[in-house]
C-alpha atoms as a PDB file:
ATOM      1  CA  MET A   1       0.321   0.064   0.125  1.00  0.00           C
ATOM      2  CA  ILE A   2       1.626   3.655  -0.439  1.00  0.00           C
ATOM      3  CA  GLU A   3       2.052   5.293   2.300  1.00  0.00           C
ATOM      4  CA  GLY A   4       0.281   7.767   3.849  1.00  0.00           C
ATOM      5  CA  VAL A   5      -3.555   5.980   2.691  1.00  0.00           C
ATOM      6  CA  LYS A   6      -4.802   4.412   5.601  1.00  0.00           C
ATOM      7  CA  VAL A   7      -8.260   1.967   4.395  1.00  0.00           C
ATOM      8  CA  LYS A   8     -11.433   1.726   6.762  1.00  0.00           C
ATOM      9  CA  ARG A   9     -13.269  -0.365   6.504  1.00  0.00           C
ATOM     10  CA  LEU A  10     -17.111   0.368   7.191  1.00  0.00           C
ATOM     11  CA  THR A  11     -19.875  -2.391   9.651  1.00  0.00           C
ATOM     12  CA  LYS A  12     -23.167  -1.278   8.608  1.00  0.00           C
ATOM     13  CA  HIS A  13     -25.908  -1.999  11.611  1.00  0.00           C
ATOM     14  CA  CYS A  14     -28.455  -3.772   9.766  1.00  0.00           C
ATOM     15  CA  ASP A  15     -32.377  -4.401  10.629  1.00  0.00           C
ATOM     16  CA  ASP A  16     -35.300  -4.778   9.072  1.00  0.00           C
ATOM     17  CA  ARG A  17     -35.009  -0.531   8.601  1.00  0.00           C
ATOM     18  CA  GLY A  18     -32.989  -0.950   6.937  1.00  0.00           C
ATOM     19  CA  PHE A  19     -28.921   0.288   7.660  1.00  0.00           C
ATOM     20  CA  PHE A  20     -27.053   2.625   9.707  1.00  0.00           C
ATOM     21  CA  ALA A  21     -22.911   3.173   9.429  1.00  0.00           C
ATOM     22  CA  GLU A  22     -20.598   5.584  10.714  1.00  0.00           C
ATOM     23  CA  ILE A  23     -18.361   6.966   8.251  1.00  0.00           C
ATOM     24  CA  PHE A  24     -15.724   8.770  10.104  1.00  0.00           C
ATOM     25  CA  ARG A  25     -15.230  10.278  13.263  1.00  0.00           C
ATOM     26  CA  ASP A  26     -12.628  13.070  13.739  1.00  0.00           C
ATOM     27  CA  SER A  27     -11.196  11.348  16.636  1.00  0.00           C
ATOM     28  CA  GLU A  28     -10.248   8.738  13.655  1.00  0.00           C
ATOM     29  CA  GLY A  29      -7.578  10.821  12.900  1.00  0.00           C
ATOM     30  CA  LEU A  30      -8.003  10.373   9.631  1.00  0.00           C
ATOM     31  CA  LEU A  31      -8.004  14.395   7.842  1.00  0.00           C
ATOM     32  CA  GLU A  32      -5.319  16.703   9.301  1.00  0.00           C
ATOM     33  CA  SER A  33      -8.154  19.186   9.534  1.00  0.00           C
ATOM     34  CA  PHE A  34     -11.460  18.786   7.967  1.00  0.00           C
ATOM     35  CA  ALA A  35     -12.287  21.356   5.507  1.00  0.00           C
ATOM     36  CA  GLN A  36     -15.719  20.458   2.472  1.00  0.00           C
ATOM     37  CA  ALA A  37     -17.685  17.582   1.999  1.00  0.00           C
ATOM     38  CA  SER A  38     -18.455  17.034  -1.439  1.00  0.00           C
ATOM     39  CA  VAL A  39     -20.684  15.104  -3.308  1.00  0.00           C
ATOM     40  CA  SER A  40     -20.668  13.342  -7.652  1.00  0.00           C
ATOM     41  CA  MET A  41     -21.818  10.884  -9.007  1.00  0.00           C
ATOM     42  CA  SER A  42     -21.015   9.220 -12.534  1.00  0.00           C
ATOM     43  CA  TYR A  43     -21.744   7.898 -14.993  1.00  0.00           C
ATOM     44  CA  PRO A  44     -21.021   3.273 -16.049  1.00  0.00           C
ATOM     45  CA  GLY A  45     -17.818   3.691 -17.826  1.00  0.00           C
ATOM     46  CA  VAL A  46     -17.102   6.958 -16.992  1.00  0.00           C
ATOM     47  CA  ILE A  47     -12.917   7.508 -15.995  1.00  0.00           C
ATOM     48  CA  LYS A  48     -12.812  10.521 -13.855  1.00  0.00           C
ATOM     49  CA  ALA A  49      -8.753  10.808 -13.351  1.00  0.00           C
ATOM     50  CA  PHE A  50      -5.542  11.641 -12.601  1.00  0.00           C
ATOM     51  CA  HIS A  51      -5.394  14.415 -10.991  1.00  0.00           C
ATOM     52  CA  TYR A  52      -3.657  15.719  -7.411  1.00  0.00           C
ATOM     53  CA  HIS A  53      -3.443  18.622  -4.809  1.00  0.00           C
ATOM     54  CA  ASP A  54       0.128  20.083  -2.573  1.00  0.00           C
ATOM     55  CA  HIS A  55      -1.648  20.687   0.392  1.00  0.00           C
ATOM     56  CA  GLN A  56      -5.081  18.653   0.558  1.00  0.00           C
ATOM     57  CA  ASP A  57      -5.976  14.943   1.743  1.00  0.00           C
ATOM     58  CA  ASP A  58      -9.128  14.187   0.645  1.00  0.00           C
ATOM     59  CA  LEU A  59     -10.948  11.196   2.249  1.00  0.00           C
ATOM     60  CA  TRP A  60     -13.210   9.029  -0.113  1.00  0.00           C
ATOM     61  CA  TYR A  61     -16.469   7.293   0.173  1.00  0.00           C
ATOM     62  CA  PHE A  62     -18.745   5.389  -2.253  1.00  0.00           C
ATOM     63  CA  PRO A  63     -22.252   5.020  -0.830  1.00  0.00           C
ATOM     64  CA  SER A  64     -23.858   3.221  -4.353  1.00  0.00           C
ATOM     65  CA  GLY A  65     -22.680   2.190  -7.305  1.00  0.00           C
ATOM     66  CA  ASN A  66     -18.845   0.448  -7.589  1.00  0.00           C
ATOM     67  CA  ALA A  67     -15.732   2.015  -8.574  1.00  0.00           C
ATOM     68  CA  GLN A  68     -11.639   0.740  -9.607  1.00  0.00           C
ATOM     69  CA  VAL A  69     -10.309   3.610  -7.715  1.00  0.00           C
ATOM     70  CA  VAL A  70      -6.039   3.535  -9.259  1.00  0.00           C
ATOM     71  CA  LEU A  71      -3.452   5.690  -6.519  1.00  0.00           C
ATOM     72  CA  HIS A  72      -0.161   6.318  -8.173  1.00  0.00           C
ATOM     73  CA  ASP A  73       2.020   7.960  -5.466  1.00  0.00           C
ATOM     74  CA  LEU A  74       4.370  11.147  -7.148  1.00  0.00           C
ATOM     75  CA  ARG A  75       6.093  12.383  -4.100  1.00  0.00           C
ATOM     76  CA  GLU A  76       9.356  12.415  -4.411  1.00  0.00           C
ATOM     77  CA  GLY A  77      10.499  11.312  -0.633  1.00  0.00           C
ATOM     78  CA  SER A  78       8.114   8.555  -0.388  1.00  0.00           C
ATOM     79  CA  ALA A  79       8.923   4.735   0.394  1.00  0.00           C
ATOM     80  CA  THR A  80       6.756   4.248  -2.559  1.00  0.00           C
ATOM     81  CA  PHE A  81       7.302   6.977  -4.613  1.00  0.00           C
ATOM     82  CA  GLY A  82       5.785   5.385  -8.398  1.00  0.00           C
ATOM     83  CA  THR A  83       4.089   2.955  -6.885  1.00  0.00           C
ATOM     84  CA  THR A  84       0.741   2.327  -8.413  1.00  0.00           C
ATOM     85  CA  ASP A  85      -2.196   1.140  -6.044  1.00  0.00           C
ATOM     86  CA  VAL A  86      -5.887   0.125  -7.159  1.00  0.00           C
ATOM     87  CA  LEU A  87      -8.514  -0.670  -4.909  1.00  0.00           C
ATOM     88  CA  TYR A  88     -12.540  -1.854  -5.561  1.00  0.00           C
ATOM     89  CA  MET A  89     -14.746   0.926  -3.951  1.00  0.00           C
ATOM     90  CA  GLY A  90     -18.748   1.443  -3.237  1.00  0.00           C
ATOM     91  CA  GLU A  91     -21.748  -1.400  -2.737  1.00  0.00           C
ATOM     92  CA  GLU A  92     -19.843  -4.537  -2.548  1.00  0.00           C
ATOM     93  CA  ASN A  93     -16.784  -3.068  -0.944  1.00  0.00           C
ATOM     94  CA  PRO A  94     -17.841  -0.468   1.773  1.00  0.00           C
ATOM     95  CA  ILE A  95     -14.597   1.446   3.240  1.00  0.00           C
ATOM     96  CA  VAL A  96     -12.798   4.494   3.140  1.00  0.00           C
ATOM     97  CA  LEU A  97     -10.337   5.555   1.298  1.00  0.00           C
ATOM     98  CA  LEU A  98      -8.074   8.609   2.842  1.00  0.00           C
ATOM     99  CA  ILE A  99      -5.667   9.712   0.036  1.00  0.00           C
ATOM    100  CA  PRO A 100      -2.976  12.103   1.095  1.00  0.00           C
ATOM    101  CA  LYS A 101      -1.367  15.269  -0.466  1.00  0.00           C
ATOM    102  CA  GLY A 102       0.647  14.259  -3.510  1.00  0.00           C
ATOM    103  CA  VAL A 103      -0.237  10.933  -4.257  1.00  0.00           C
ATOM    104  CA  ALA A 104      -2.545  10.686  -7.991  1.00  0.00           C
ATOM    105  CA  HIS A 105      -6.281   9.902  -7.946  1.00  0.00           C
ATOM    106  CA  GLY A 106      -8.573   9.093  -9.790  1.00  0.00           C
ATOM    107  CA  TYR A 107     -11.153   6.407 -10.664  1.00  0.00           C
ATOM    108  CA  ARG A 108     -13.610   4.337 -13.045  1.00  0.00           C
ATOM    109  CA  VAL A 109     -17.104   3.590 -13.020  1.00  0.00           C
ATOM    110  CA  LEU A 110     -17.956  -0.470 -12.914  1.00  0.00           C
ATOM    111  CA  GLY A 111     -21.212  -2.043 -13.675  1.00  0.00           C
ATOM    112  CA  ASN A 112     -24.431  -1.306 -15.161  1.00  0.00           C
ATOM    113  CA  THR A 113     -25.020   1.791 -12.291  1.00  0.00           C
ATOM    114  CA  PRO A 114     -24.032   4.728 -11.852  1.00  0.00           C
ATOM    115  CA  ALA A 115     -21.682   5.857  -9.054  1.00  0.00           C
ATOM    116  CA  THR A 116     -22.124   8.786  -6.617  1.00  0.00           C
ATOM    117  CA  ILE A 117     -18.386   9.432  -4.742  1.00  0.00           C
ATOM    118  CA  VAL A 118     -18.776  11.091  -1.062  1.00  0.00           C
ATOM    119  CA  TYR A 119     -15.899  13.410   0.565  1.00  0.00           C
ATOM    120  CA  PHE A 120     -14.473  15.458   2.404  1.00  0.00           C
ATOM    121  CA  THR A 121     -10.851  17.563   1.597  1.00  0.00           C
ATOM    122  CA  SER A 122      -8.990  19.095   4.600  1.00  0.00           C
ATOM    123  CA  THR A 123      -9.160  21.888   3.084  1.00  0.00           C
ATOM    124  CA  GLU A 124     -11.207  24.255   1.441  1.00  0.00           C
ATOM    125  CA  TYR A 125     -11.945  24.631  -2.687  1.00  0.00           C
ATOM    126  CA  ASP A 126     -10.782  27.615  -3.871  1.00  0.00           C
ATOM    127  CA  PRO A 127     -11.613  28.198  -7.225  1.00  0.00           C
ATOM    128  CA  LYS A 128      -9.241  31.269  -7.526  1.00  0.00           C
ATOM    129  CA  ASN A 129      -6.726  29.694  -6.974  1.00  0.00           C
ATOM    130  CA  PRO A 130      -7.246  25.911  -6.806  1.00  0.00           C
ATOM    131  CA  ASP A 131      -5.079  23.249  -5.385  1.00  0.00           C
ATOM    132  CA  GLU A 132      -5.644  21.186  -8.047  1.00  0.00           C
ATOM    133  CA  LYS A 133      -3.086  18.742 -10.020  1.00  0.00           C
ATOM    134  CA  ARG A 134      -4.420  16.586 -14.033  1.00  0.00           C
ATOM    135  CA  ILE A 135      -2.694  14.110 -15.429  1.00  0.00           C
ATOM    136  CA  PRO A 136      -4.712  12.409 -18.724  1.00  0.00           C
ATOM    137  CA  PHE A 137      -5.950   9.128 -17.816  1.00  0.00           C
ATOM    138  CA  ASP A 138      -4.186   7.580 -19.819  1.00  0.00           C
ATOM    139  CA  ASP A 139      -0.676   9.208 -19.300  1.00  0.00           C
ATOM    140  CA  MET A 140       2.619   7.435 -19.429  1.00  0.00           C
ATOM    141  CA  ARG A 141       4.884   8.702 -16.293  1.00  0.00           C
ATOM    142  CA  ILE A 142       1.206   6.119 -14.557  1.00  0.00           C
ATOM    143  CA  SER A 143       0.806   3.807 -17.613  1.00  0.00           C
ATOM    144  CA  PHE A 144      -2.261   2.490 -16.421  1.00  0.00           C
ATOM    145  CA  ASP A 145      -4.323  -0.089 -17.956  1.00  0.00           C
ATOM    146  CA  TRP A 146      -8.423   0.600 -17.436  1.00  0.00           C
ATOM    147  CA  THR A 147      -9.961  -1.922 -19.544  1.00  0.00           C
ATOM    148  CA  THR A 148     -11.690  -5.033 -17.552  1.00  0.00           C
ATOM    149  CA  LYS A 149      -9.429  -7.766 -17.712  1.00  0.00           C
ATOM    150  CA  ASN A 150     -11.943 -10.754 -18.602  1.00  0.00           C
ATOM    151  CA  ARG A 151     -10.311 -14.085 -16.329  1.00  0.00           C
END
């Protein structure tokens, strides 16, 4: 696993009414600070990749749908510099993922239904000075093959 990345498995408390699950607590120390919560929906097959932040940590959760999440460590001083990790998140694997600053990240929606991502950030988005650096989904530095492998 890339240095600084954390995965928290959610516990669902189910009964005849549905379920309840906590996404995160401040006392868990997943985010250095909490500044903003956002939500986004993407259609099946959509790839949203790659981007990274110089100052912001992200905490991702997919409450509906499923996604293939790809991380790539761009931090030259990191013990895992150049490492790529793949995680599968969503309804079938309810986890929360901490993505540290300097780690490129993106996802592809899997299956035939849209995926919704709820994410929490350690800094607020500033449209006049965005802390968001873009890398094309097919960039050779990461060289990730997004196609599904039939096994």
